Amino acid sequence: MIEIDVIGVMYRDPIDPTDPEEALVAYPGWRVNITAGGLELRPDLEPFVVTPARLRRVWSGDDPIAPSVTVVLKFESEAKALVALAPR
């Protein structure tokens, strides 16, 4: 079993955080964080690994700029993520 943190849809940071009328803009795809140990157990997930410049959410104690525990996976959709992450 691997540890999974479902992020889901990511949104662009607001241009003006004080403007309540500003529309949220979603990035394409569905994101899920797993641990480096989880990736070792599931090397079939390697094609989904992405490396953002800075992570918004990491496993406790990890560094958002240089993560050593958190691995980010990006899928086309939630449905594709569910298929790929199904227990083997």
PDB file of N, CA and C in Angstrom:
ATOM      1  N   MET A   1       0.841  -1.185   0.000  1.00  0.00           N
ATOM      2  CA  MET A   1       0.000   0.000   0.000  1.00  0.00           C
ATOM      3  C   MET A   1       0.885   1.247   0.000  1.00  0.00           C
ATOM      4  N   ILE A   2       0.488   2.254  -0.788  1.00  0.00           N
ATOM      5  CA  ILE A   2       1.239   3.504  -0.814  1.00  0.00           C
ATOM      6  C   ILE A   2       0.407   4.608  -0.173  1.00  0.00           C
ATOM      7  N   GLU A   3       1.102   5.606   0.360  1.00  0.00           N
ATOM      8  CA  GLU A   3       0.419   6.762   0.931  1.00  0.00           C
ATOM      9  C   GLU A   3       0.060   7.720  -0.199  1.00  0.00           C
ATOM     10  N   ILE A   4      -1.177   8.209  -0.191  1.00  0.00           N
ATOM     11  CA  ILE A   4      -1.672   9.079  -1.259  1.00  0.00           C
ATOM     12  C   ILE A   4      -2.303  10.321  -0.643  1.00  0.00           C
ATOM     13  N   ASP A   5      -1.974  11.471  -1.214  1.00  0.00           N
ATOM     14  CA  ASP A   5      -2.588  12.752  -0.844  1.00  0.00           C
ATOM     15  C   ASP A   5      -3.196  13.327  -2.113  1.00  0.00           C
ATOM     16  N   VAL A   6      -4.519  13.260  -2.237  1.00  0.00           N
ATOM     17  CA  VAL A   6      -5.193  13.746  -3.436  1.00  0.00           C
ATOM     18  C   VAL A   6      -5.268  15.266  -3.393  1.00  0.00           C
ATOM     19  N   ILE A   7      -4.659  15.913  -4.373  1.00  0.00           N
ATOM     20  CA  ILE A   7      -4.707  17.361  -4.504  1.00  0.00           C
ATOM     21  C   ILE A   7      -5.881  17.741  -5.391  1.00  0.00           C
ATOM     22  N   GLY A   8      -6.050  17.018  -6.483  1.00  0.00           N
ATOM     23  CA  GLY A   8      -7.139  17.295  -7.420  1.00  0.00           C
ATOM     24  C   GLY A   8      -6.746  18.383  -8.396  1.00  0.00           C
ATOM     25  N   VAL A   9      -7.658  19.313  -8.611  1.00  0.00           N
ATOM     26  CA  VAL A   9      -7.440  20.407  -9.553  1.00  0.00           C
ATOM     27  C   VAL A   9      -6.596  21.487  -8.886  1.00  0.00           C
ATOM     28  N   MET A  10      -5.616  21.979  -9.610  1.00  0.00           N
ATOM     29  CA  MET A  10      -4.783  23.097  -9.126  1.00  0.00           C
ATOM     30  C   MET A  10      -5.215  24.361  -9.853  1.00  0.00           C
ATOM     31  N   TYR A  11      -5.174  25.468  -9.142  1.00  0.00           N
ATOM     32  CA  TYR A  11      -5.560  26.752  -9.711  1.00  0.00           C
ATOM     33  C   TYR A  11      -4.378  27.707  -9.727  1.00  0.00           C
ATOM     34  N   ARG A  12      -4.349  28.541 -10.760  1.00  0.00           N
ATOM     35  CA  ARG A  12      -3.324  29.569 -10.874  1.00  0.00           C
ATOM     36  C   ARG A  12      -3.469  30.516  -9.695  1.00  0.00           C
ATOM     37  N   ASP A  13      -2.337  31.017  -9.182  1.00  0.00           N
ATOM     38  CA  ASP A  13      -2.387  32.008  -8.114  1.00  0.00           C
ATOM     39  C   ASP A  13      -3.082  33.254  -8.645  1.00  0.00           C
ATOM     40  N   PRO A  14      -3.887  33.917  -7.818  1.00  0.00           N
ATOM     41  CA  PRO A  14      -4.585  35.119  -8.290  1.00  0.00           C
ATOM     42  C   PRO A  14      -3.602  36.226  -8.657  1.00  0.00           C
ATOM     43  N   ILE A  15      -3.972  36.996  -9.666  1.00  0.00           N
ATOM     44  CA  ILE A  15      -3.158  38.151 -10.042  1.00  0.00           C
ATOM     45  C   ILE A  15      -3.301  39.227  -8.972  1.00  0.00           C
ATOM     46  N   ASP A  16      -4.540  39.436  -8.534  1.00  0.00           N
ATOM     47  CA  ASP A  16      -4.811  40.411  -7.469  1.00  0.00           C
ATOM     48  C   ASP A  16      -5.569  39.696  -6.354  1.00  0.00           C
ATOM     49  N   PRO A  17      -4.864  39.234  -5.316  1.00  0.00           N
ATOM     50  CA  PRO A  17      -5.533  38.476  -4.252  1.00  0.00           C
ATOM     51  C   PRO A  17      -6.603  39.260  -3.501  1.00  0.00           C
ATOM     52  N   THR A  18      -6.623  40.587  -3.650  1.00  0.00           N
ATOM     53  CA  THR A  18      -7.630  41.387  -2.947  1.00  0.00           C
ATOM     54  C   THR A  18      -8.903  41.553  -3.769  1.00  0.00           C
ATOM     55  N   ASP A  19      -8.912  41.071  -5.017  1.00  0.00           N
ATOM     56  CA  ASP A  19     -10.077  41.218  -5.897  1.00  0.00           C
ATOM     57  C   ASP A  19     -10.974  39.988  -5.790  1.00  0.00           C
ATOM     58  N   PRO A  20     -12.133  40.117  -5.094  1.00  0.00           N
ATOM     59  CA  PRO A  20     -13.017  38.954  -4.943  1.00  0.00           C
ATOM     60  C   PRO A  20     -13.711  38.558  -6.249  1.00  0.00           C
ATOM     61  N   GLU A  21     -13.664  39.418  -7.251  1.00  0.00           N
ATOM     62  CA  GLU A  21     -14.321  39.135  -8.527  1.00  0.00           C
ATOM     63  C   GLU A  21     -13.410  38.394  -9.507  1.00  0.00           C
ATOM     64  N   GLU A  22     -12.145  38.266  -9.168  1.00  0.00           N
ATOM     65  CA  GLU A  22     -11.216  37.614 -10.082  1.00  0.00           C
ATOM     66  C   GLU A  22     -11.569  36.135 -10.236  1.00  0.00           C
ATOM     67  N   ALA A  23     -11.658  35.689 -11.473  1.00  0.00           N
ATOM     68  CA  ALA A  23     -12.021  34.302 -11.753  1.00  0.00           C
ATOM     69  C   ALA A  23     -10.833  33.377 -11.497  1.00  0.00           C
ATOM     70  N   LEU A  24     -11.136  32.224 -10.920  1.00  0.00           N
ATOM     71  CA  LEU A  24     -10.099  31.212 -10.725  1.00  0.00           C
ATOM     72  C   LEU A  24      -9.816  30.538 -12.070  1.00  0.00           C
ATOM     73  N   VAL A  25      -8.554  30.318 -12.354  1.00  0.00           N
ATOM     74  CA  VAL A  25      -8.162  29.646 -13.591  1.00  0.00           C
ATOM     75  C   VAL A  25      -7.503  28.319 -13.208  1.00  0.00           C
ATOM     76  N   ALA A  26      -8.111  27.241 -13.667  1.00  0.00           N
ATOM     77  CA  ALA A  26      -7.605  25.901 -13.341  1.00  0.00           C
ATOM     78  C   ALA A  26      -6.522  25.484 -14.324  1.00  0.00           C
ATOM     79  N   TYR A  27      -5.487  24.842 -13.791  1.00  0.00           N
ATOM     80  CA  TYR A  27      -4.487  24.202 -14.647  1.00  0.00           C
ATOM     81  C   TYR A  27      -5.080  22.875 -15.116  1.00  0.00           C
ATOM     82  N   PRO A  28      -4.711  22.414 -16.306  1.00  0.00           N
ATOM     83  CA  PRO A  28      -5.238  21.116 -16.752  1.00  0.00           C
ATOM     84  C   PRO A  28      -4.670  19.967 -15.921  1.00  0.00           C
ATOM     85  N   GLY A  29      -5.451  18.922 -15.790  1.00  0.00           N
ATOM     86  CA  GLY A  29      -4.982  17.716 -15.124  1.00  0.00           C
ATOM     87  C   GLY A  29      -5.459  17.569 -13.690  1.00  0.00           C
ATOM     88  N   TRP A  30      -5.151  16.424 -13.130  1.00  0.00           N
ATOM     89  CA  TRP A  30      -5.531  16.023 -11.767  1.00  0.00           C
ATOM     90  C   TRP A  30      -4.256  15.621 -11.041  1.00  0.00           C
ATOM     91  N   ARG A  31      -4.002  16.224  -9.890  1.00  0.00           N
ATOM     92  CA  ARG A  31      -2.741  15.983  -9.191  1.00  0.00           C
ATOM     93  C   ARG A  31      -2.915  15.189  -7.908  1.00  0.00           C
ATOM     94  N   VAL A  32      -1.922  14.346  -7.673  1.00  0.00           N
ATOM     95  CA  VAL A  32      -1.897  13.485  -6.501  1.00  0.00           C
ATOM     96  C   VAL A  32      -0.454  13.453  -6.002  1.00  0.00           C
ATOM     97  N   ASN A  33      -0.264  13.582  -4.701  1.00  0.00           N
ATOM     98  CA  ASN A  33       1.064  13.426  -4.115  1.00  0.00           C
ATOM     99  C   ASN A  33       1.177  12.030  -3.525  1.00  0.00           C
ATOM    100  N   ILE A  34       2.343  11.430  -3.736  1.00  0.00           N
ATOM    101  CA  ILE A  34       2.674  10.181  -3.065  1.00  0.00           C
ATOM    102  C   ILE A  34       4.058  10.373  -2.444  1.00  0.00           C
ATOM    103  N   THR A  35       4.508   9.403  -1.710  1.00  0.00           N
ATOM    104  CA  THR A  35       5.846   9.483  -1.125  1.00  0.00           C
ATOM    105  C   THR A  35       6.861   8.839  -2.075  1.00  0.00           C
ATOM    106  N   ALA A  36       8.131   9.177  -1.870  1.00  0.00           N
ATOM    107  CA  ALA A  36       9.199   8.555  -2.656  1.00  0.00           C
ATOM    108  C   ALA A  36       9.186   7.039  -2.453  1.00  0.00           C
ATOM    109  N   GLY A  37       8.897   6.615  -1.230  1.00  0.00           N
ATOM    110  CA  GLY A  37       8.790   5.181  -0.951  1.00  0.00           C
ATOM    111  C   GLY A  37       7.650   4.535  -1.718  1.00  0.00           C
ATOM    112  N   GLY A  38       6.567   5.263  -1.862  1.00  0.00           N
ATOM    113  CA  GLY A  38       5.438   4.758  -2.642  1.00  0.00           C
ATOM    114  C   GLY A  38       5.798   4.576  -4.102  1.00  0.00           C
ATOM    115  N   LEU A  39       6.584   5.504  -4.637  1.00  0.00           N
ATOM    116  CA  LEU A  39       7.012   5.389  -6.025  1.00  0.00           C
ATOM    117  C   LEU A  39       7.940   4.181  -6.207  1.00  0.00           C
ATOM    118  N   GLU A  40       8.754   3.895  -5.191  1.00  0.00           N
ATOM    119  CA  GLU A  40       9.608   2.703  -5.261  1.00  0.00           C
ATOM    120  C   GLU A  40       8.758   1.429  -5.325  1.00  0.00           C
ATOM    121  N   LEU A  41       7.631   1.437  -4.600  1.00  0.00           N
ATOM    122  CA  LEU A  41       6.735   0.274  -4.608  1.00  0.00           C
ATOM    123  C   LEU A  41       5.926   0.174  -5.896  1.00  0.00           C
ATOM    124  N   ARG A  42       5.717   1.329  -6.541  1.00  0.00           N
ATOM    125  CA  ARG A  42       4.887   1.378  -7.755  1.00  0.00           C
ATOM    126  C   ARG A  42       5.624   2.086  -8.891  1.00  0.00           C
ATOM    127  N   PRO A  43       6.684   1.494  -9.427  1.00  0.00           N
ATOM    128  CA  PRO A  43       7.433   2.142 -10.502  1.00  0.00           C
ATOM    129  C   PRO A  43       6.592   2.384 -11.760  1.00  0.00           C
ATOM    130  N   ASP A  44       5.451   1.703 -11.882  1.00  0.00           N
ATOM    131  CA  ASP A  44       4.559   1.924 -13.018  1.00  0.00           C
ATOM    132  C   ASP A  44       3.969   3.335 -13.017  1.00  0.00           C
ATOM    133  N   LEU A  45       4.081   4.057 -11.893  1.00  0.00           N
ATOM    134  CA  LEU A  45       3.563   5.426 -11.813  1.00  0.00           C
ATOM    135  C   LEU A  45       4.577   6.464 -12.298  1.00  0.00           C
ATOM    136  N   GLU A  46       5.792   6.040 -12.579  1.00  0.00           N
ATOM    137  CA  GLU A  46       6.860   6.953 -13.019  1.00  0.00           C
ATOM    138  C   GLU A  46       6.453   7.856 -14.195  1.00  0.00           C
ATOM    139  N   PRO A  47       5.715   7.380 -15.197  1.00  0.00           N
ATOM    140  CA  PRO A  47       5.344   8.255 -16.314  1.00  0.00           C
ATOM    141  C   PRO A  47       4.478   9.463 -15.908  1.00  0.00           C
ATOM    142  N   PHE A  48       3.891   9.406 -14.723  1.00  0.00           N
ATOM    143  CA  PHE A  48       3.012  10.487 -14.274  1.00  0.00           C
ATOM    144  C   PHE A  48       3.717  11.504 -13.376  1.00  0.00           C
ATOM    145  N   VAL A  49       4.981  11.274 -13.071  1.00  0.00           N
ATOM    146  CA  VAL A  49       5.730  12.167 -12.180  1.00  0.00           C
ATOM    147  C   VAL A  49       6.001  13.492 -12.885  1.00  0.00           C
ATOM    148  N   VAL A  50       5.716  14.594 -12.175  1.00  0.00           N
ATOM    149  CA  VAL A  50       6.045  15.943 -12.640  1.00  0.00           C
ATOM    150  C   VAL A  50       6.868  16.622 -11.546  1.00  0.00           C
ATOM    151  N   THR A  51       7.652  17.610 -11.935  1.00  0.00           N
ATOM    152  CA  THR A  51       8.504  18.295 -10.963  1.00  0.00           C
ATOM    153  C   THR A  51       8.280  19.802 -11.041  1.00  0.00           C
ATOM    154  N   PRO A  52       7.261  20.295 -10.342  1.00  0.00           N
ATOM    155  CA  PRO A  52       7.035  21.741 -10.305  1.00  0.00           C
ATOM    156  C   PRO A  52       8.188  22.453  -9.605  1.00  0.00           C
ATOM    157  N   ALA A  53       8.362  23.738  -9.905  1.00  0.00           N
ATOM    158  CA  ALA A  53       9.441  24.516  -9.292  1.00  0.00           C
ATOM    159  C   ALA A  53       9.265  24.608  -7.780  1.00  0.00           C
ATOM    160  N   ARG A  54       8.024  24.723  -7.329  1.00  0.00           N
ATOM    161  CA  ARG A  54       7.721  24.802  -5.899  1.00  0.00           C
ATOM    162  C   ARG A  54       6.415  24.082  -5.650  1.00  0.00           C
ATOM    163  N   LEU A  55       6.431  23.171  -4.695  1.00  0.00           N
ATOM    164  CA  LEU A  55       5.217  22.441  -4.359  1.00  0.00           C
ATOM    165  C   LEU A  55       4.369  23.266  -3.411  1.00  0.00           C
ATOM    166  N   ARG A  56       3.076  23.218  -3.601  1.00  0.00           N
ATOM    167  CA  ARG A  56       2.157  23.933  -2.707  1.00  0.00           C
ATOM    168  C   ARG A  56       1.821  23.115  -1.473  1.00  0.00           C
ATOM    169  N   ARG A  57       1.860  21.794  -1.623  1.00  0.00           N
ATOM    170  CA  ARG A  57       1.535  20.914  -0.502  1.00  0.00           C
ATOM    171  C   ARG A  57       2.529  19.770  -0.500  1.00  0.00           C
ATOM    172  N   VAL A  58       3.138  19.517   0.652  1.00  0.00           N
ATOM    173  CA  VAL A  58       4.144  18.451   0.776  1.00  0.00           C
ATOM    174  C   VAL A  58       3.821  17.595   1.992  1.00  0.00           C
ATOM    175  N   TRP A  59       4.475  16.433   2.051  1.00  0.00           N
ATOM    176  CA  TRP A  59       4.350  15.601   3.237  1.00  0.00           C
ATOM    177  C   TRP A  59       5.018  16.324   4.402  1.00  0.00           C
ATOM    178  N   SER A  60       4.552  16.102   5.575  1.00  0.00           N
ATOM    179  CA  SER A  60       5.026  16.793   6.777  1.00  0.00           C
ATOM    180  C   SER A  60       6.548  16.809   6.868  1.00  0.00           C
ATOM    181  N   GLY A  61       7.094  18.010   7.030  1.00  0.00           N
ATOM    182  CA  GLY A  61       8.528  18.180   7.202  1.00  0.00           C
ATOM    183  C   GLY A  61       9.313  18.255   5.905  1.00  0.00           C
ATOM    184  N   ASP A  62       8.665  18.023   4.764  1.00  0.00           N
ATOM    185  CA  ASP A  62       9.378  18.063   3.490  1.00  0.00           C
ATOM    186  C   ASP A  62       9.573  19.511   3.031  1.00  0.00           C
ATOM    187  N   ASP A  63      10.525  19.726   2.148  1.00  0.00           N
ATOM    188  CA  ASP A  63      10.860  21.056   1.638  1.00  0.00           C
ATOM    189  C   ASP A  63      10.112  21.291   0.320  1.00  0.00           C
ATOM    190  N   PRO A  64       9.257  22.330   0.235  1.00  0.00           N
ATOM    191  CA  PRO A  64       8.486  22.566  -0.989  1.00  0.00           C
ATOM    192  C   PRO A  64       9.349  22.916  -2.206  1.00  0.00           C
ATOM    193  N   ILE A  65      10.563  23.404  -1.984  1.00  0.00           N
ATOM    194  CA  ILE A  65      11.431  23.770  -3.105  1.00  0.00           C
ATOM    195  C   ILE A  65      12.327  22.598  -3.511  1.00  0.00           C
ATOM    196  N   ALA A  66      12.765  21.811  -2.557  1.00  0.00           N
ATOM    197  CA  ALA A  66      13.620  20.654  -2.836  1.00  0.00           C
ATOM    198  C   ALA A  66      13.082  19.439  -2.082  1.00  0.00           C
ATOM    199  N   PRO A  67      11.935  18.899  -2.511  1.00  0.00           N
ATOM    200  CA  PRO A  67      11.330  17.789  -1.776  1.00  0.00           C
ATOM    201  C   PRO A  67      12.156  16.513  -1.852  1.00  0.00           C
ATOM    202  N   SER A  68      12.210  15.812  -0.739  1.00  0.00           N
ATOM    203  CA  SER A  68      12.892  14.520  -0.730  1.00  0.00           C
ATOM    204  C   SER A  68      11.911  13.381  -0.458  1.00  0.00           C
ATOM    205  N   VAL A  69      10.734  13.724   0.061  1.00  0.00           N
ATOM    206  CA  VAL A  69       9.726  12.718   0.384  1.00  0.00           C
ATOM    207  C   VAL A  69       8.549  12.786  -0.585  1.00  0.00           C
ATOM    208  N   THR A  70       8.117  13.999  -0.920  1.00  0.00           N
ATOM    209  CA  THR A  70       6.920  14.205  -1.724  1.00  0.00           C
ATOM    210  C   THR A  70       7.210  14.032  -3.213  1.00  0.00           C
ATOM    211  N   VAL A  71       6.381  13.222  -3.882  1.00  0.00           N
ATOM    212  CA  VAL A  71       6.449  13.027  -5.328  1.00  0.00           C
ATOM    213  C   VAL A  71       5.090  13.436  -5.894  1.00  0.00           C
ATOM    214  N   VAL A  72       5.107  14.325  -6.892  1.00  0.00           N
ATOM    215  CA  VAL A  72       3.871  14.812  -7.496  1.00  0.00           C
ATOM    216  C   VAL A  72       3.568  14.013  -8.758  1.00  0.00           C
ATOM    217  N   LEU A  73       2.342  13.525  -8.839  1.00  0.00           N
ATOM    218  CA  LEU A  73       1.864  12.828 -10.028  1.00  0.00           C
ATOM    219  C   LEU A  73       0.787  13.684 -10.688  1.00  0.00           C
ATOM    220  N   LYS A  74       0.807  13.734 -12.013  1.00  0.00           N
ATOM    221  CA  LYS A  74      -0.214  14.481 -12.758  1.00  0.00           C
ATOM    222  C   LYS A  74      -0.863  13.542 -13.765  1.00  0.00           C
ATOM    223  N   PHE A  75      -2.195  13.499 -13.704  1.00  0.00           N
ATOM    224  CA  PHE A  75      -2.982  12.659 -14.599  1.00  0.00           C
ATOM    225  C   PHE A  75      -3.881  13.548 -15.449  1.00  0.00           C
ATOM    226  N   GLU A  76      -4.371  13.002 -16.560  1.00  0.00           N
ATOM    227  CA  GLU A  76      -5.274  13.771 -17.423  1.00  0.00           C
ATOM    228  C   GLU A  76      -6.586  14.104 -16.720  1.00  0.00           C
ATOM    229  N   SER A  77      -7.048  13.205 -15.866  1.00  0.00           N
ATOM    230  CA  SER A  77      -8.342  13.388 -15.202  1.00  0.00           C
ATOM    231  C   SER A  77      -8.382  12.565 -13.922  1.00  0.00           C
ATOM    232  N   GLU A  78      -9.397  12.818 -13.121  1.00  0.00           N
ATOM    233  CA  GLU A  78      -9.587  12.028 -11.903  1.00  0.00           C
ATOM    234  C   GLU A  78      -9.818  10.558 -12.254  1.00  0.00           C
ATOM    235  N   ALA A  79     -10.599  10.316 -13.289  1.00  0.00           N
ATOM    236  CA  ALA A  79     -10.899   8.934 -13.678  1.00  0.00           C
ATOM    237  C   ALA A  79      -9.618   8.182 -14.039  1.00  0.00           C
ATOM    238  N   LYS A  80      -8.722   8.828 -14.790  1.00  0.00           N
ATOM    239  CA  LYS A  80      -7.464   8.175 -15.174  1.00  0.00           C
ATOM    240  C   LYS A  80      -6.570   7.963 -13.955  1.00  0.00           C
ATOM    241  N   ALA A  81      -6.640   8.886 -13.002  1.00  0.00           N
ATOM    242  CA  ALA A  81      -5.862   8.727 -11.763  1.00  0.00           C
ATOM    243  C   ALA A  81      -6.360   7.515 -10.983  1.00  0.00           C
ATOM    244  N   LEU A  82      -7.670   7.370 -10.889  1.00  0.00           N
ATOM    245  CA  LEU A  82      -8.237   6.241 -10.151  1.00  0.00           C
ATOM    246  C   LEU A  82      -7.823   4.908 -10.762  1.00  0.00           C
ATOM    247  N   VAL A  83      -7.775   4.844 -12.076  1.00  0.00           N
ATOM    248  CA  VAL A  83      -7.366   3.610 -12.755  1.00  0.00           C
ATOM    249  C   VAL A  83      -5.877   3.341 -12.472  1.00  0.00           C
ATOM    250  N   ALA A  84      -5.047   4.359 -12.641  1.00  0.00           N
ATOM    251  CA  ALA A  84      -3.602   4.179 -12.457  1.00  0.00           C
ATOM    252  C   ALA A  84      -3.241   3.859 -11.014  1.00  0.00           C
ATOM    253  N   LEU A  85      -3.978   4.435 -10.060  1.00  0.00           N
ATOM    254  CA  LEU A  85      -3.653   4.266  -8.635  1.00  0.00           C
ATOM    255  C   LEU A  85      -4.327   3.058  -7.995  1.00  0.00           C
ATOM    256  N   ALA A  86      -5.123   2.344  -8.756  1.00  0.00           N
ATOM    257  CA  ALA A  86      -5.814   1.172  -8.196  1.00  0.00           C
ATOM    258  C   ALA A  86      -4.775   0.191  -7.638  1.00  0.00           C
ATOM    259  N   PRO A  87      -5.102  -0.434  -6.514  1.00  0.00           N
ATOM    260  CA  PRO A  87      -4.151  -1.401  -5.925  1.00  0.00           C
ATOM    261  C   PRO A  87      -3.785  -2.494  -6.903  1.00  0.00           C
ATOM    262  N   ARG A  88      -2.545  -2.893  -6.856  1.00  0.00           N
ATOM    263  CA  ARG A  88      -2.027  -3.956  -7.739  1.00  0.00           C
ATOM    264  C   ARG A  88      -1.902  -5.244  -6.957  1.00  0.00           C
TER     265      ARG A  88
END
